[in-house]
Amino acid sequence: MTVVDDRIEMADTSDERTLDMMFEWLEPTPEGFEAEIVEGNIYMSPRRGTHWQISLDLVEQLRAGYPRRRLLSDVRIDFPGRLNGFASDVVALADGATPDAETGDFPRD
């Protein structure tokens, strides 16, 4: 995708990439797309018009077993491993999950 190529060329060329740096390259994400980073690779997926309705259906079903504070949607979560940042459509946090003390994000490693 040329948008990503153009932004990477403008970015710092050192090999010390961080998730924050990579997500900044993608701002603003083109309308109608979702961006995630998996093992340092950027993936952009188009969203269809029914996307939110399906996500909302999932949240409504999960509410039977999860309190509202343990459900998230479209929130970036950094997973362990090399440069793994996801903005999942729906997330059900484990009981006892706590936000990072510095950022308030769930969970950061």
C-alpha atoms as a PDB file:
ATOM      1  CA  MET A   1       0.000   0.000   0.000  1.00  0.00           C
ATOM      2  CA  THR A   2       1.589   3.270  -1.009  1.00  0.00           C
ATOM      3  CA  VAL A   3       0.321   5.150   2.043  1.00  0.00           C
ATOM      4  CA  VAL A   4       2.415   2.948   4.336  1.00  0.00           C
ATOM      5  CA  ASP A   5       5.455   3.021   2.029  1.00  0.00           C
ATOM      6  CA  ASP A   6       5.397   6.821   1.882  1.00  0.00           C
ATOM      7  CA  ARG A   7       5.129   7.152   5.638  1.00  0.00           C
ATOM      8  CA  ILE A   8       7.912   4.671   6.339  1.00  0.00           C
ATOM      9  CA  GLU A   9      10.244   6.616   4.035  1.00  0.00           C
ATOM     10  CA  MET A  10       9.529   9.773   6.045  1.00  0.00           C
ATOM     11  CA  ALA A  11      10.149   8.007   9.364  1.00  0.00           C
ATOM     12  CA  ASP A  12      13.363   7.517  11.275  1.00  0.00           C
ATOM     13  CA  THR A  13      15.457   4.909   9.461  1.00  0.00           C
ATOM     14  CA  SER A  14      17.199   3.530  12.555  1.00  0.00           C
ATOM     15  CA  ASP A  15      16.463  -0.061  13.501  1.00  0.00           C
ATOM     16  CA  GLU A  16      15.146   0.976  16.926  1.00  0.00           C
ATOM     17  CA  ARG A  17      11.459   0.890  16.039  1.00  0.00           C
ATOM     18  CA  THR A  18       8.832   1.029  18.751  1.00  0.00           C
ATOM     19  CA  LEU A  19       5.111   0.397  18.545  1.00  0.00           C
ATOM     20  CA  ASP A  20       4.411   4.032  19.390  1.00  0.00           C
ATOM     21  CA  MET A  21       6.674   5.154  16.536  1.00  0.00           C
ATOM     22  CA  MET A  22       5.084   2.748  14.057  1.00  0.00           C
ATOM     23  CA  PHE A  23       1.525   3.728  14.976  1.00  0.00           C
ATOM     24  CA  GLU A  24       2.502   7.409  14.612  1.00  0.00           C
ATOM     25  CA  TRP A  25       3.556   6.671  11.008  1.00  0.00           C
ATOM     26  CA  LEU A  26       0.010   5.481  10.349  1.00  0.00           C
ATOM     27  CA  GLU A  27      -1.746   8.585  11.700  1.00  0.00           C
ATOM     28  CA  PRO A  28      -4.259   9.325  10.538  1.00  0.00           C
ATOM     29  CA  THR A  29      -5.285   5.825   9.504  1.00  0.00           C
ATOM     30  CA  PRO A  30      -7.259   6.070   6.266  1.00  0.00           C
ATOM     31  CA  GLU A  31     -11.009   6.135   6.864  1.00  0.00           C
ATOM     32  CA  GLY A  32     -12.602   2.706   6.687  1.00  0.00           C
ATOM     33  CA  PHE A  33      -9.404   0.844   7.619  1.00  0.00           C
ATOM     34  CA  GLU A  34      -8.056  -0.737  10.790  1.00  0.00           C
ATOM     35  CA  ALA A  35      -4.299  -0.866  11.403  1.00  0.00           C
ATOM     36  CA  GLU A  36      -2.455  -3.442  13.501  1.00  0.00           C
ATOM     37  CA  ILE A  37       1.208  -4.342  13.904  1.00  0.00           C
ATOM     38  CA  VAL A  38       2.233  -7.988  14.156  1.00  0.00           C
ATOM     39  CA  GLU A  39       5.900  -8.881  14.671  1.00  0.00           C
ATOM     40  CA  GLY A  40       6.890  -5.484  13.293  1.00  0.00           C
ATOM     41  CA  ASN A  41       4.740  -5.780  10.144  1.00  0.00           C
ATOM     42  CA  ILE A  42       1.910  -3.325   9.510  1.00  0.00           C
ATOM     43  CA  TYR A  43      -1.455  -4.762   8.459  1.00  0.00           C
ATOM     44  CA  MET A  44      -4.310  -2.581   7.296  1.00  0.00           C
ATOM     45  CA  SER A  45      -7.733  -4.180   6.888  1.00  0.00           C
ATOM     46  CA  PRO A  46     -10.802  -2.586   5.318  1.00  0.00           C
ATOM     47  CA  ARG A  47     -13.986  -2.476   7.370  1.00  0.00           C
ATOM     48  CA  ARG A  48     -17.398  -3.123   5.907  1.00  0.00           C
ATOM     49  CA  GLY A  49     -20.518  -1.193   6.833  1.00  0.00           C
ATOM     50  CA  THR A  50     -21.841  -3.963   9.090  1.00  0.00           C
ATOM     51  CA  HIS A  51     -18.621  -4.160  11.123  1.00  0.00           C
ATOM     52  CA  TRP A  52     -19.834  -2.139  14.126  1.00  0.00           C
ATOM     53  CA  GLN A  53     -23.173  -3.973  14.246  1.00  0.00           C
ATOM     54  CA  ILE A  54     -21.391  -7.336  14.502  1.00  0.00           C
ATOM     55  CA  SER A  55     -19.023  -5.991  17.184  1.00  0.00           C
ATOM     56  CA  LEU A  56     -21.957  -4.583  19.142  1.00  0.00           C
ATOM     57  CA  ASP A  57     -23.736  -7.964  18.972  1.00  0.00           C
ATOM     58  CA  LEU A  58     -20.621  -9.588  20.461  1.00  0.00           C
ATOM     59  CA  VAL A  59     -20.410  -7.021  23.260  1.00  0.00           C
ATOM     60  CA  GLU A  60     -24.095  -7.472  24.110  1.00  0.00           C
ATOM     61  CA  GLN A  61     -23.623 -11.243  24.372  1.00  0.00           C
ATOM     62  CA  LEU A  62     -20.446 -10.902  26.463  1.00  0.00           C
ATOM     63  CA  ARG A  63     -22.200  -8.551  28.909  1.00  0.00           C
ATOM     64  CA  ALA A  64     -24.005 -11.590  30.356  1.00  0.00           C
ATOM     65  CA  GLY A  65     -20.713 -12.850  31.777  1.00  0.00           C
ATOM     66  CA  TYR A  66     -18.411  -9.804  31.940  1.00  0.00           C
ATOM     67  CA  PRO A  67     -18.780  -6.482  33.743  1.00  0.00           C
ATOM     68  CA  ARG A  68     -18.585  -3.415  31.493  1.00  0.00           C
ATOM     69  CA  ARG A  69     -15.129  -2.409  32.802  1.00  0.00           C
ATOM     70  CA  ARG A  70     -13.658  -5.696  31.463  1.00  0.00           C
ATOM     71  CA  LEU A  71     -14.899  -5.166  27.895  1.00  0.00           C
ATOM     72  CA  LEU A  72     -13.033  -2.957  25.432  1.00  0.00           C
ATOM     73  CA  SER A  73     -13.445  -2.129  21.761  1.00  0.00           C
ATOM     74  CA  ASP A  74     -10.972  -0.627  19.278  1.00  0.00           C
ATOM     75  CA  VAL A  75      -8.388   0.057  21.990  1.00  0.00           C
ATOM     76  CA  ARG A  76      -4.725  -0.596  21.253  1.00  0.00           C
ATOM     77  CA  ILE A  77      -3.241  -3.393  23.335  1.00  0.00           C
ATOM     78  CA  ASP A  78       0.471  -4.192  23.163  1.00  0.00           C
ATOM     79  CA  PHE A  79       1.123  -7.907  23.457  1.00  0.00           C
ATOM     80  CA  PRO A  80       4.376  -9.599  24.471  1.00  0.00           C
ATOM     81  CA  GLY A  81       6.858 -10.368  21.729  1.00  0.00           C
ATOM     82  CA  ARG A  82       8.510  -8.177  19.146  1.00  0.00           C
ATOM     83  CA  LEU A  83       6.344  -5.236  18.088  1.00  0.00           C
ATOM     84  CA  ASN A  84       2.834  -6.660  18.503  1.00  0.00           C
ATOM     85  CA  GLY A  85       0.130  -4.000  18.796  1.00  0.00           C
ATOM     86  CA  PHE A  86      -3.508  -4.842  18.174  1.00  0.00           C
ATOM     87  CA  ALA A  87      -6.687  -2.780  18.201  1.00  0.00           C
ATOM     88  CA  SER A  88      -9.093  -5.664  18.483  1.00  0.00           C
ATOM     89  CA  ASP A  89     -12.744  -5.174  17.660  1.00  0.00           C
ATOM     90  CA  VAL A  90     -13.833  -6.615  21.015  1.00  0.00           C
ATOM     91  CA  VAL A  91     -11.693  -7.558  24.021  1.00  0.00           C
ATOM     92  CA  ALA A  92     -12.818  -9.352  27.179  1.00  0.00           C
ATOM     93  CA  LEU A  93     -10.141  -8.761  29.831  1.00  0.00           C
ATOM     94  CA  ALA A  94      -9.209 -11.495  32.289  1.00  0.00           C
ATOM     95  CA  ASP A  95     -10.465 -11.093  35.831  1.00  0.00           C
ATOM     96  CA  GLY A  96      -7.838  -9.136  37.735  1.00  0.00           C
ATOM     97  CA  ALA A  97      -6.319  -7.448  34.660  1.00  0.00           C
ATOM     98  CA  THR A  98      -4.976  -4.077  35.681  1.00  0.00           C
ATOM     99  CA  PRO A  99      -3.914  -1.114  33.577  1.00  0.00           C
ATOM    100  CA  ASP A 100      -0.288  -0.083  33.318  1.00  0.00           C
ATOM    101  CA  ALA A 101       0.504   2.391  36.108  1.00  0.00           C
ATOM    102  CA  GLU A 102       2.163   4.878  33.729  1.00  0.00           C
ATOM    103  CA  THR A 103      -0.066   4.752  30.653  1.00  0.00           C
ATOM    104  CA  GLY A 104      -3.387   3.416  31.902  1.00  0.00           C
ATOM    105  CA  ASP A 105      -3.392   0.940  29.012  1.00  0.00           C
ATOM    106  CA  PHE A 106      -4.451  -2.731  29.273  1.00  0.00           C
ATOM    107  CA  PRO A 107      -2.013  -4.590  29.445  1.00  0.00           C
ATOM    108  CA  ARG A 108       1.379  -3.266  28.396  1.00  0.00           C
ATOM    109  CA  ASP A 109       4.473  -5.391  28.566  1.00  0.00           C
END
